Amino acid sequence: MFSNFADELRSRRLDARLSQEELAEAARVSASAIGAYERGTRKTPHRETVVMLADALRLKGKDRAEFEAAARSTHRLGSKSSKDCTTLPDEPGTFFGDESTLRQIATSLQKHRLVTLVGTGGVGKSRSAMRVAKTFFQKPDRVRLVDASLLQHGSQVEAALAQTHLRDTLLIVDNCEHLVSDVGEAVAVVLRNRPTITVLATSRERLRIAGEAVYVVPPLRYPEVTPSSSESALSYPSVALFMERAGLSINALRTDRDREAVAEICRFLAGVPLAIELAASQVRALGVHLLRDQLRMKLSVLSSGNRDLPVRQQTLHATLSWSYDLLGPLDRLLFRRLGTFPESFTAQQVFGACTGPDLSETQALNALASLVEKSMVWPDDTTGESLYRLFAVERLFALEKAIENGEVTSNVQSVMTWALGAGASPLLAASTVRHLSLTWVEGCENLRLLDSLGSALANLDVDEIPKDDLAACWMLLGDGLDEAGEHLRADAARKCAGALA
């Protein structure tokens, strides 16, 4: 028996022949938490966590008693001591975020007792919260962290927050989205009963309680066009992060082709730090050019990452699944249908192409608002219009989910039918085709889609179509000319080719 919980946990895990990741999965906690407990950097396991670990290790009788005793020796289980909340972890590597973002968050904390950082998964909400506390908060010994992702049930939330001490003045409540209602209620109690405490929360949606200030954490800046030199490329935080995590030096971006590949990767990943780090981990195996090409068609290239991250963030697919699994049925349905859309779209297009017997316009409106609230869809005001957008990786994920549900063909047909009919939007049809792979569509429907596209282009001034969309249409039409007598598609293909020339 060990009196130290770190040694006790490590010994029991090794006896059970489990890796940290295997134990984390069995106990339903993060692998990073297991590592922190075994290193001794996290010394305050909650009672519920100890029970889940003991169950996962299949400890009984005397062994279980010794295991729980080791935890009690670290701190008294169930006590109201502030030690039941962890101190801030060390930062994992260089911080590439915008310092002005941190200052804005810190300023907001001076004005409001509750600030919630929201944003898409992997955008850096947790990292920003920790950085703000360490950089701008003058009493680090009075900062406490509660990682809500380690809590499995709403009943645990109030107990966890109640364990903060009255002298603590900044409470960080991290990863709230899966228990957002319970966290909101518990935070409201803390703020009401403890007037000296300020709360900084991170979540993929706001807590929705009185007095809450919401700050949307932006992704890292990424190049909209190919940088002209390696030096200017590294001025973009997303590129600098990619280069560091990939182990590449400035000299690695020797040619315009190299710079273009890295710029496209960071642009495709929309500057989301987690996605960029996972992509960078594949450079050694694939190189930047093959990685760029693979990312355009599938997320599986980002199927591995750092083992010390929480399980939900070890792959990009896991991160997106974490958000998707928290959606309601109608939200999921609309999200899958939006995967067929191009980068930006209007509410009118959503109502026209995504509604039907199983999704009314009112339900679509509510689902769209919910997806925006949960950081799955983003308002896009860059053009001055009321537009929405999906990041490219989220669109691929939505398509993967539609494939799993056997919906891709019907989703594509709905968009094409509306765009070329009542919607009178052949540009939407052309842009949709640009992001479409016919391998996703049932074979018997391919020619019908190509016929629709050929018909649209035959009656459209193709000079109005963006070059990238036009090139995609031309390639698809050319690939579909195997059968004789398809004059309409042939004419449309020649029309596209002429415009491109």
Protein backbone atom coordinates (compact mmCIF):
# COMPACT_ATOMS: atom_id res chain seq x y z
CA MET A 1 0.00 0.00 0.00
CA PHE A 2 1.22 3.52 -0.87
CA SER A 3 0.30 6.56 1.19
CA ASN A 4 0.84 8.67 -1.93
CA PHE A 5 -2.09 8.54 -4.35
CA ALA A 6 0.13 9.08 -7.40
CA ASP A 7 2.20 5.98 -6.63
CA GLU A 8 -0.89 4.01 -5.61
CA LEU A 9 -2.72 4.76 -8.86
CA ARG A 10 0.32 4.01 -11.02
CA SER A 11 0.97 0.73 -9.22
CA ARG A 12 -2.66 -0.41 -9.47
CA ARG A 13 -2.81 0.52 -13.16
CA LEU A 14 0.37 -1.40 -13.98
CA ASP A 15 -0.87 -4.41 -12.01
CA ALA A 16 -4.02 -4.33 -14.14
CA ARG A 17 -1.84 -4.09 -17.29
CA LEU A 18 -3.64 -0.98 -18.50
CA SER A 19 -2.21 2.02 -20.29
CA GLN A 20 -3.23 5.48 -19.11
CA GLU A 21 -5.50 5.76 -22.15
CA GLU A 22 -7.16 2.40 -21.47
CA LEU A 23 -7.78 3.27 -17.82
CA ALA A 24 -9.13 6.69 -18.81
CA GLU A 25 -11.60 5.13 -21.23
CA ALA A 26 -12.74 2.51 -18.70
CA ALA A 27 -13.15 5.11 -15.93
CA ARG A 28 -14.71 7.72 -18.22
CA VAL A 29 -12.17 10.40 -17.38
CA SER A 30 -9.55 12.03 -19.57
CA ALA A 31 -6.14 10.48 -20.19
CA SER A 32 -4.59 13.83 -19.25
CA ALA A 33 -6.24 13.58 -15.81
CA ILE A 34 -4.76 10.10 -15.28
CA GLY A 35 -1.34 11.43 -16.22
CA ALA A 36 -1.72 14.43 -13.91
CA TYR A 37 -2.70 12.21 -10.96
CA GLU A 38 0.25 9.88 -11.54
CA ARG A 39 2.70 12.76 -11.87
CA GLY A 40 1.32 14.32 -8.71
CA THR A 41 0.53 17.62 -10.43
CA ARG A 42 -3.13 16.98 -9.69
CA LYS A 43 -3.48 15.84 -6.07
CA THR A 44 -7.17 16.28 -5.41
CA PRO A 45 -9.33 13.50 -6.87
CA HIS A 46 -13.04 13.94 -6.26
CA ARG A 47 -14.86 11.17 -4.42
CA GLU A 48 -16.74 10.26 -7.62
CA THR A 49 -13.47 10.11 -9.57
CA VAL A 50 -11.91 7.75 -7.04
CA VAL A 51 -14.97 5.49 -7.25
CA MET A 52 -14.85 5.42 -11.05
CA LEU A 53 -11.11 4.66 -11.02
CA ALA A 54 -11.57 1.88 -8.46
CA ASP A 55 -14.38 0.38 -10.53
CA ALA A 56 -12.29 0.55 -13.71
CA LEU A 57 -9.38 -1.15 -11.91
CA ARG A 58 -11.83 -3.77 -10.56
CA LEU A 59 -10.66 -3.23 -7.00
CA LYS A 60 -12.55 -4.95 -4.20
CA GLY A 61 -12.26 -5.53 -0.46
CA LYS A 62 -8.89 -4.70 1.03
CA ASP A 63 -7.40 -3.48 -2.27
CA ARG A 64 -10.22 -1.01 -2.76
CA ALA A 65 -9.96 0.21 0.83
CA GLU A 66 -6.21 0.83 0.43
CA PHE A 67 -6.80 2.66 -2.85
CA GLU A 68 -9.40 4.97 -1.29
CA ALA A 69 -7.21 5.47 1.78
CA ALA A 70 -4.37 6.70 -0.44
CA ALA A 71 -6.75 9.21 -1.98
CA ARG A 72 -7.87 10.36 1.46
CA SER A 73 -4.26 10.82 2.52
CA THR A 74 -3.84 13.35 -0.25
CA HIS A 75 -6.81 15.30 0.96
CA ARG A 76 -9.92 14.55 2.95
CA LEU A 77 -12.51 13.28 0.46
CA GLY A 78 -15.68 15.35 0.40
CA SER A 79 -14.19 18.21 2.40
CA LYS A 80 -15.04 21.79 1.60
CA SER A 81 -11.42 22.76 1.18
CA SER A 82 -10.39 24.77 -1.85
CA LYS A 83 -7.86 22.01 -2.51
CA ASP A 84 -10.71 20.05 -4.15
CA CYS A 85 -10.18 22.35 -7.11
CA THR A 86 -6.93 22.08 -8.97
CA THR A 87 -4.39 24.80 -9.42
CA LEU A 88 -3.59 25.90 -12.95
CA PRO A 89 -1.62 23.42 -15.11
CA ASP A 90 1.61 24.33 -16.85
CA GLU A 91 1.24 25.61 -20.39
CA PRO A 92 2.00 22.96 -23.06
CA GLY A 93 4.41 24.80 -25.35
CA THR A 94 4.46 28.22 -26.98
CA PHE A 95 1.30 30.33 -26.94
CA PHE A 96 0.39 31.58 -30.41
CA GLY A 97 -2.89 33.34 -29.60
CA ASP A 98 -3.51 37.05 -29.94
CA GLU A 99 -2.47 38.95 -26.82
CA SER A 100 -5.13 41.57 -27.57
CA THR A 101 -7.74 38.82 -27.19
CA LEU A 102 -6.40 38.07 -23.71
CA ARG A 103 -6.50 41.76 -22.76
CA GLN A 104 -10.11 42.02 -23.89
CA ILE A 105 -11.06 39.00 -21.78
CA ALA A 106 -9.20 40.42 -18.78
CA THR A 107 -10.96 43.78 -19.22
CA SER A 108 -14.32 42.01 -19.38
CA LEU A 109 -13.51 40.23 -16.10
CA GLN A 110 -12.97 43.59 -14.43
CA LYS A 111 -16.49 44.63 -15.42
CA HIS A 112 -18.43 41.38 -15.01
CA ARG A 113 -18.46 38.66 -12.36
CA LEU A 114 -19.16 35.98 -14.96
CA VAL A 115 -17.45 35.81 -18.33
CA THR A 116 -18.01 32.79 -20.59
CA LEU A 117 -15.57 32.04 -23.39
CA VAL A 118 -17.38 30.31 -26.24
CA GLY A 119 -16.19 28.95 -29.57
CA THR A 120 -15.82 25.86 -31.70
CA GLY A 121 -14.06 22.80 -30.34
CA GLY A 122 -10.28 23.14 -30.28
CA VAL A 123 -10.23 26.90 -30.83
CA GLY A 124 -8.31 27.50 -27.59
CA LYS A 125 -10.94 28.47 -25.02
CA SER A 126 -9.27 26.59 -22.16
CA ARG A 127 -5.80 27.79 -23.08
CA SER A 128 -7.02 31.39 -23.26
CA ALA A 129 -8.67 31.14 -19.83
CA MET A 130 -5.51 29.77 -18.21
CA ARG A 131 -3.35 32.35 -19.96
CA VAL A 132 -5.57 35.22 -18.81
CA ALA A 133 -5.44 33.99 -15.21
CA LYS A 134 -1.65 33.67 -15.24
CA THR A 135 -0.91 36.86 -17.15
CA PHE A 136 -3.40 39.37 -15.78
CA PHE A 137 -4.50 38.05 -12.41
CA GLN A 138 -2.30 39.35 -9.62
CA LYS A 139 -3.22 36.70 -7.01
CA PRO A 140 -2.44 33.31 -8.58
CA ASP A 141 -2.88 31.55 -5.23
CA ARG A 142 -6.52 32.63 -5.27
CA VAL A 143 -7.31 31.12 -8.69
CA ARG A 144 -8.98 27.71 -8.79
CA LEU A 145 -9.84 25.45 -11.70
CA VAL A 146 -12.77 23.05 -11.96
CA ASP A 147 -12.61 20.85 -15.07
CA ALA A 148 -16.26 20.07 -15.75
CA SER A 149 -15.32 17.48 -18.39
CA LEU A 150 -14.32 15.19 -15.51
CA LEU A 151 -17.84 15.36 -14.09
CA GLN A 152 -20.32 12.82 -15.38
CA HIS A 153 -23.56 13.93 -13.77
CA GLY A 154 -25.29 17.20 -12.97
CA SER A 155 -25.39 16.28 -9.28
CA GLN A 156 -21.59 16.52 -9.17
CA VAL A 157 -21.43 20.09 -10.44
CA GLU A 158 -22.75 21.97 -7.41
CA ALA A 159 -20.57 19.88 -5.07
CA ALA A 160 -17.48 20.63 -7.14
CA LEU A 161 -18.11 24.37 -7.23
CA ALA A 162 -19.04 24.48 -3.54
CA GLN A 163 -15.56 23.24 -2.66
CA THR A 164 -13.98 26.56 -3.60
CA HIS A 165 -12.83 28.52 -0.57
CA LEU A 166 -14.17 31.93 0.33
CA ARG A 167 -10.74 33.44 -0.16
CA ASP A 168 -10.62 32.28 -3.79
CA THR A 169 -11.44 35.22 -6.02
CA LEU A 170 -11.25 33.73 -9.54
CA LEU A 171 -12.90 30.42 -10.34
CA ILE A 172 -12.28 28.91 -13.80
CA VAL A 173 -14.98 26.42 -14.79
CA ASP A 174 -13.66 24.64 -17.87
CA ASN A 175 -15.45 22.54 -20.53
CA CYS A 176 -19.05 23.16 -19.44
CA GLU A 177 -20.96 22.25 -22.60
CA HIS A 178 -22.07 18.71 -21.72
CA LEU A 179 -23.58 19.86 -18.41
CA VAL A 180 -24.27 23.46 -19.36
CA SER A 181 -27.64 23.77 -17.62
CA ASP A 182 -26.37 22.28 -14.35
CA VAL A 183 -23.20 24.38 -14.48
CA GLY A 184 -25.25 27.51 -15.08
CA GLU A 185 -27.44 26.84 -12.04
CA ALA A 186 -24.44 26.04 -9.84
CA VAL A 187 -22.50 29.13 -10.98
CA ALA A 188 -25.54 31.29 -10.25
CA VAL A 189 -25.57 29.94 -6.65
CA VAL A 190 -21.83 30.62 -6.24
CA LEU A 191 -22.15 34.18 -7.52
CA ARG A 192 -25.16 34.85 -5.31
CA ASN A 193 -23.64 33.43 -2.12
CA ARG A 194 -20.01 34.48 -2.55
CA PRO A 195 -19.77 38.13 -3.60
CA THR A 196 -15.95 38.13 -3.78
CA ILE A 197 -15.75 35.40 -6.45
CA THR A 198 -15.52 36.03 -10.20
CA VAL A 199 -16.13 33.15 -12.61
CA LEU A 200 -14.43 32.58 -15.97
CA ALA A 201 -16.17 29.71 -17.79
CA THR A 202 -15.37 27.97 -21.07
CA SER A 203 -18.04 26.26 -23.12
CA ARG A 204 -19.22 25.72 -26.68
CA GLU A 205 -22.37 27.60 -25.70
CA ARG A 206 -23.18 30.27 -23.12
CA LEU A 207 -24.49 29.43 -19.66
CA ARG A 208 -27.56 31.66 -20.04
CA ILE A 209 -27.73 33.14 -16.55
CA ALA A 210 -28.17 36.74 -15.43
CA GLY A 211 -25.11 38.96 -15.58
CA GLU A 212 -23.19 36.71 -18.00
CA ALA A 213 -20.80 38.37 -20.44
CA VAL A 214 -19.97 36.24 -23.48
CA TYR A 215 -16.71 36.43 -25.39
CA VAL A 216 -16.30 34.48 -28.64
CA VAL A 217 -12.72 33.18 -28.85
CA PRO A 218 -11.51 33.70 -32.43
CA PRO A 219 -9.34 31.22 -34.33
CA LEU A 220 -5.75 32.08 -35.16
CA ARG A 221 -5.16 34.40 -38.09
CA TYR A 222 -4.43 32.52 -41.30
CA PRO A 223 -3.29 33.70 -44.75
CA GLU A 224 -6.14 34.38 -47.18
CA VAL A 225 -3.64 34.22 -50.06
CA THR A 226 -0.29 32.52 -50.46
CA PRO A 227 2.42 34.49 -48.57
CA SER A 228 5.18 35.84 -50.76
CA SER A 229 8.02 34.68 -48.53
CA SER A 230 8.67 32.34 -45.61
CA GLU A 231 9.24 35.32 -43.32
CA SER A 232 5.83 36.85 -44.09
CA ALA A 233 4.22 33.41 -43.79
CA LEU A 234 5.41 33.08 -40.18
CA SER A 235 3.78 36.40 -39.32
CA TYR A 236 0.50 34.48 -39.28
CA PRO A 237 0.04 32.73 -35.91
CA SER A 238 -1.62 29.70 -37.54
CA VAL A 239 1.38 29.15 -39.82
CA ALA A 240 3.84 29.67 -36.97
CA LEU A 241 1.97 27.10 -34.85
CA PHE A 242 1.89 24.61 -37.74
CA MET A 243 5.60 25.02 -38.40
CA GLU A 244 6.60 24.60 -34.74
CA ARG A 245 4.41 21.54 -34.16
CA ALA A 246 5.57 19.98 -37.44
CA GLY A 247 9.22 20.59 -36.50
CA LEU A 248 9.83 22.64 -39.65
CA SER A 249 12.23 25.56 -39.91
CA ILE A 250 11.76 28.76 -41.90
CA ASN A 251 13.94 27.27 -44.64
CA ALA A 252 11.35 24.55 -45.17
CA LEU A 253 9.16 27.07 -47.02
CA ARG A 254 11.62 27.61 -49.83
CA THR A 255 9.28 27.79 -52.82
CA ASP A 256 5.94 29.37 -53.63
CA ARG A 257 4.53 25.84 -53.92
CA ASP A 258 5.61 25.02 -50.35
CA ARG A 259 4.18 28.26 -48.98
CA GLU A 260 0.96 27.71 -50.90
CA ALA A 261 0.54 24.22 -49.40
CA VAL A 262 1.01 25.42 -45.80
CA ALA A 263 -1.23 28.44 -46.37
CA GLU A 264 -3.97 26.21 -47.80
CA ILE A 265 -3.72 23.80 -44.85
CA CYS A 266 -4.11 26.63 -42.29
CA ARG A 267 -6.87 28.22 -44.37
CA PHE A 268 -8.73 24.91 -44.75
CA LEU A 269 -8.49 24.33 -40.99
CA ALA A 270 -9.76 27.90 -40.45
CA GLY A 271 -7.00 28.72 -37.96
CA VAL A 272 -8.36 26.33 -35.31
CA PRO A 273 -5.30 25.51 -33.13
CA LEU A 274 -6.23 21.91 -32.29
CA ALA A 275 -6.89 21.05 -35.94
CA ILE A 276 -3.59 22.65 -36.95
CA GLU A 277 -1.65 20.74 -34.28
CA LEU A 278 -3.19 17.44 -35.36
CA ALA A 279 -2.41 18.19 -39.00
CA ALA A 280 1.16 19.15 -38.15
CA SER A 281 1.66 15.78 -36.48
CA GLN A 282 1.17 14.13 -39.90
CA VAL A 283 3.78 16.16 -41.79
CA ARG A 284 6.61 13.76 -41.07
CA ALA A 285 4.66 10.89 -42.65
CA LEU A 286 2.91 12.71 -45.50
CA GLY A 287 4.75 15.97 -46.20
CA VAL A 288 2.88 19.23 -46.61
CA HIS A 289 1.72 18.67 -50.20
CA LEU A 290 0.15 15.24 -49.72
CA LEU A 291 -1.30 16.36 -46.39
CA ARG A 292 -2.96 19.33 -48.11
CA ASP A 293 -4.44 17.08 -50.81
CA GLN A 294 -5.71 14.49 -48.32
CA LEU A 295 -7.35 17.08 -46.09
CA ARG A 296 -9.57 18.24 -48.94
CA MET A 297 -11.41 14.93 -49.09
CA LYS A 298 -11.40 13.29 -45.66
CA LEU A 299 -10.85 13.82 -41.96
CA SER A 300 -9.22 10.43 -41.37
CA VAL A 301 -5.80 11.97 -42.06
CA LEU A 302 -6.22 13.70 -38.68
CA SER A 303 -6.90 10.42 -36.89
CA SER A 304 -3.97 10.63 -34.49
CA GLY A 305 -2.60 13.25 -32.16
CA ASN A 306 -1.01 13.85 -28.77
CA ARG A 307 -1.77 11.16 -26.17
CA ASP A 308 -1.63 13.65 -23.32
CA LEU A 309 -4.70 15.47 -24.60
CA PRO A 310 -8.18 14.62 -23.27
CA VAL A 311 -9.70 11.70 -25.21
CA ARG A 312 -12.23 14.01 -26.86
CA GLN A 313 -9.37 16.08 -28.36
CA GLN A 314 -6.93 13.37 -29.41
CA THR A 315 -8.39 13.37 -32.93
CA LEU A 316 -10.30 16.01 -34.83
CA HIS A 317 -13.07 13.51 -35.42
CA ALA A 318 -13.39 12.95 -31.66
CA THR A 319 -13.57 16.71 -31.05
CA LEU A 320 -16.34 17.16 -33.61
CA SER A 321 -18.15 14.06 -32.33
CA TRP A 322 -18.11 15.53 -28.80
CA SER A 323 -20.07 18.55 -30.09
CA TYR A 324 -22.30 16.55 -32.45
CA ASP A 325 -23.34 14.07 -29.76
CA LEU A 326 -24.59 16.94 -27.59
CA LEU A 327 -27.04 18.10 -30.29
CA GLY A 328 -30.73 17.30 -30.35
CA PRO A 329 -32.19 15.09 -33.15
CA LEU A 330 -33.41 17.98 -35.33
CA ASP A 331 -30.17 19.90 -34.84
CA ARG A 332 -28.24 16.84 -36.04
CA LEU A 333 -30.54 16.41 -39.03
CA LEU A 334 -30.05 19.99 -40.18
CA PHE A 335 -26.30 19.85 -39.52
CA ARG A 336 -25.98 16.78 -41.78
CA ARG A 337 -27.92 18.53 -44.54
CA LEU A 338 -25.78 21.65 -44.27
CA GLY A 339 -22.75 19.51 -45.14
CA THR A 340 -23.92 19.61 -48.76
CA PHE A 341 -23.82 23.42 -48.84
CA PRO A 342 -20.83 25.53 -49.92
CA GLU A 343 -18.86 27.59 -47.44
CA SER A 344 -21.42 30.39 -47.03
CA PHE A 345 -25.19 30.19 -47.31
CA THR A 346 -28.31 32.17 -46.46
CA ALA A 347 -31.23 31.32 -44.20
CA GLN A 348 -33.45 31.37 -47.30
CA GLN A 349 -31.32 28.65 -48.89
CA VAL A 350 -31.55 26.58 -45.72
CA PHE A 351 -35.33 26.89 -45.61
CA GLY A 352 -35.64 26.13 -49.33
CA ALA A 353 -33.24 23.19 -49.66
CA CYS A 354 -33.28 21.57 -46.20
CA THR A 355 -36.93 21.57 -45.16
CA GLY A 356 -39.52 18.90 -45.86
CA PRO A 357 -41.98 16.55 -44.15
CA ASP A 358 -39.41 15.70 -41.46
CA LEU A 359 -38.17 19.27 -40.89
CA SER A 360 -40.56 22.22 -41.07
CA GLU A 361 -39.38 25.76 -41.70
CA THR A 362 -39.99 26.65 -38.06
CA GLN A 363 -38.01 23.62 -36.91
CA ALA A 364 -35.22 24.49 -39.35
CA LEU A 365 -35.12 28.05 -37.99
CA ASN A 366 -34.88 26.80 -34.41
CA ALA A 367 -32.24 24.19 -35.36
CA LEU A 368 -30.16 26.78 -37.21
CA ALA A 369 -30.28 29.11 -34.21
CA SER A 370 -29.30 26.21 -31.94
CA LEU A 371 -26.33 25.29 -34.16
CA VAL A 372 -25.12 28.89 -34.05
CA GLU A 373 -25.59 28.96 -30.27
CA LYS A 374 -23.54 25.76 -29.91
CA SER A 375 -20.68 27.02 -32.13
CA MET A 376 -21.35 24.46 -34.89
CA VAL A 377 -22.45 27.07 -37.47
CA TRP A 378 -21.06 30.59 -37.65
CA PRO A 379 -22.67 33.88 -38.69
CA ASP A 380 -20.66 35.25 -41.62
CA ASP A 381 -20.86 39.04 -41.88
CA THR A 382 -17.71 39.54 -43.96
CA THR A 383 -19.73 40.45 -47.06
CA GLY A 384 -22.26 42.69 -45.34
CA GLU A 385 -25.02 40.13 -45.98
CA SER A 386 -26.79 37.87 -43.48
CA LEU A 387 -24.86 34.70 -44.21
CA TYR A 388 -23.90 31.58 -42.29
CA ARG A 389 -20.97 29.26 -42.76
CA LEU A 390 -19.49 25.93 -41.82
CA PHE A 391 -15.76 25.52 -41.49
CA ALA A 392 -14.41 23.12 -44.10
CA VAL A 393 -13.59 20.41 -41.55
CA GLU A 394 -17.09 20.68 -40.07
CA ARG A 395 -18.59 20.33 -43.55
CA LEU A 396 -16.60 17.15 -44.16
CA PHE A 397 -17.73 15.82 -40.79
CA ALA A 398 -21.36 16.64 -41.62
CA LEU A 399 -20.99 14.76 -44.92
CA GLU A 400 -19.46 11.77 -43.11
CA LYS A 401 -22.45 11.70 -40.76
CA ALA A 402 -24.83 11.99 -43.73
CA ILE A 403 -23.04 9.06 -45.38
CA GLU A 404 -23.44 7.00 -42.18
CA ASN A 405 -27.16 7.74 -42.26
CA GLY A 406 -27.55 7.07 -46.01
CA GLU A 407 -28.65 10.66 -46.66
CA VAL A 408 -26.05 12.17 -49.00
CA THR A 409 -27.83 11.47 -52.29
CA SER A 410 -31.17 12.86 -51.08
CA ASN A 411 -29.45 15.88 -49.49
CA VAL A 412 -27.59 16.72 -52.71
CA GLN A 413 -30.75 16.23 -54.78
CA SER A 414 -32.69 18.56 -52.49
CA VAL A 415 -30.13 21.34 -52.86
CA MET A 416 -29.83 20.91 -56.63
CA THR A 417 -33.60 20.68 -57.15
CA TRP A 418 -34.28 23.82 -55.14
CA ALA A 419 -31.31 25.76 -56.54
CA LEU A 420 -32.25 24.99 -60.15
CA GLY A 421 -35.98 25.42 -59.55
CA ALA A 422 -37.86 27.50 -57.01
CA GLY A 423 -34.66 28.98 -55.62
CA ALA A 424 -33.49 30.16 -59.04
CA SER A 425 -29.90 29.95 -57.81
CA PRO A 426 -27.71 28.14 -60.35
CA LEU A 427 -24.71 29.74 -58.68
CA LEU A 428 -25.56 27.77 -55.52
CA ALA A 429 -25.76 24.61 -57.63
CA ALA A 430 -22.34 25.27 -59.16
CA SER A 431 -20.78 26.08 -55.78
CA THR A 432 -22.33 22.96 -54.27
CA VAL A 433 -20.81 20.87 -57.06
CA ARG A 434 -17.37 22.28 -56.32
CA HIS A 435 -17.45 20.68 -52.86
CA LEU A 436 -19.02 17.46 -54.08
CA SER A 437 -17.41 14.11 -54.76
CA LEU A 438 -19.58 11.78 -56.83
CA THR A 439 -18.13 8.91 -54.80
CA TRP A 440 -20.39 10.15 -51.97
CA VAL A 441 -23.51 9.85 -54.14
CA GLU A 442 -25.25 6.63 -55.10
CA GLY A 443 -24.11 5.59 -58.57
CA CYS A 444 -27.58 5.54 -60.09
CA GLU A 445 -28.01 9.23 -59.21
CA ASN A 446 -24.75 10.50 -60.68
CA LEU A 447 -26.01 10.98 -64.24
CA ARG A 448 -29.18 12.68 -63.03
CA LEU A 449 -27.09 15.19 -61.06
CA LEU A 450 -24.85 15.79 -64.06
CA ASP A 451 -27.89 16.27 -66.30
CA SER A 452 -29.22 18.88 -63.86
CA LEU A 453 -25.87 20.62 -63.77
CA GLY A 454 -25.50 20.56 -67.56
CA SER A 455 -28.99 21.98 -67.98
CA ALA A 456 -28.25 24.80 -65.56
CA LEU A 457 -24.95 25.74 -67.17
CA ALA A 458 -26.45 25.62 -70.67
CA ASN A 459 -28.77 28.48 -69.69
CA LEU A 460 -26.36 30.46 -67.55
CA ASP A 461 -23.70 33.05 -68.25
CA VAL A 462 -20.77 30.98 -66.97
CA ASP A 463 -18.61 34.09 -66.72
CA GLU A 464 -20.59 34.85 -63.55
CA ILE A 465 -19.36 31.65 -61.89
CA PRO A 466 -16.18 31.85 -59.80
CA LYS A 467 -13.25 30.12 -61.52
CA ASP A 468 -12.83 27.44 -58.84
CA ASP A 469 -16.51 26.49 -59.06
CA LEU A 470 -16.36 26.52 -62.85
CA ALA A 471 -13.30 24.25 -62.94
CA ALA A 472 -15.01 21.76 -60.60
CA CYS A 473 -18.12 21.73 -62.82
CA TRP A 474 -16.01 21.19 -65.93
CA MET A 475 -14.14 18.27 -64.38
CA LEU A 476 -17.34 16.58 -63.17
CA LEU A 477 -19.08 17.05 -66.51
CA GLY A 478 -16.05 15.70 -68.34
CA ASP A 479 -15.93 12.62 -66.11
CA GLY A 480 -19.61 11.95 -66.84
CA LEU A 481 -19.36 11.86 -70.64
CA ASP A 482 -18.74 8.12 -70.93
CA GLU A 483 -22.16 7.44 -72.42
CA ALA A 484 -22.91 8.44 -76.02
CA GLY A 485 -25.53 11.01 -76.90
CA GLU A 486 -25.14 13.24 -73.83
CA HIS A 487 -24.96 16.39 -75.92
CA LEU A 488 -26.25 18.70 -73.21
CA ARG A 489 -23.49 17.77 -70.80
CA ALA A 490 -20.90 17.89 -73.60
CA ASP A 491 -22.02 21.38 -74.60
CA ALA A 492 -21.90 22.51 -70.98
CA ALA A 493 -18.43 21.05 -70.52
CA ARG A 494 -17.18 22.86 -73.63
CA LYS A 495 -18.77 26.06 -72.37
CA CYS A 496 -16.93 25.73 -69.06
CA ALA A 497 -13.67 24.95 -70.81
CA GLY A 498 -14.00 27.98 -73.03
CA ALA A 499 -14.64 30.26 -70.10
CA LEU A 500 -11.69 28.84 -68.20
CA ALA A 501 -9.42 29.31 -71.21
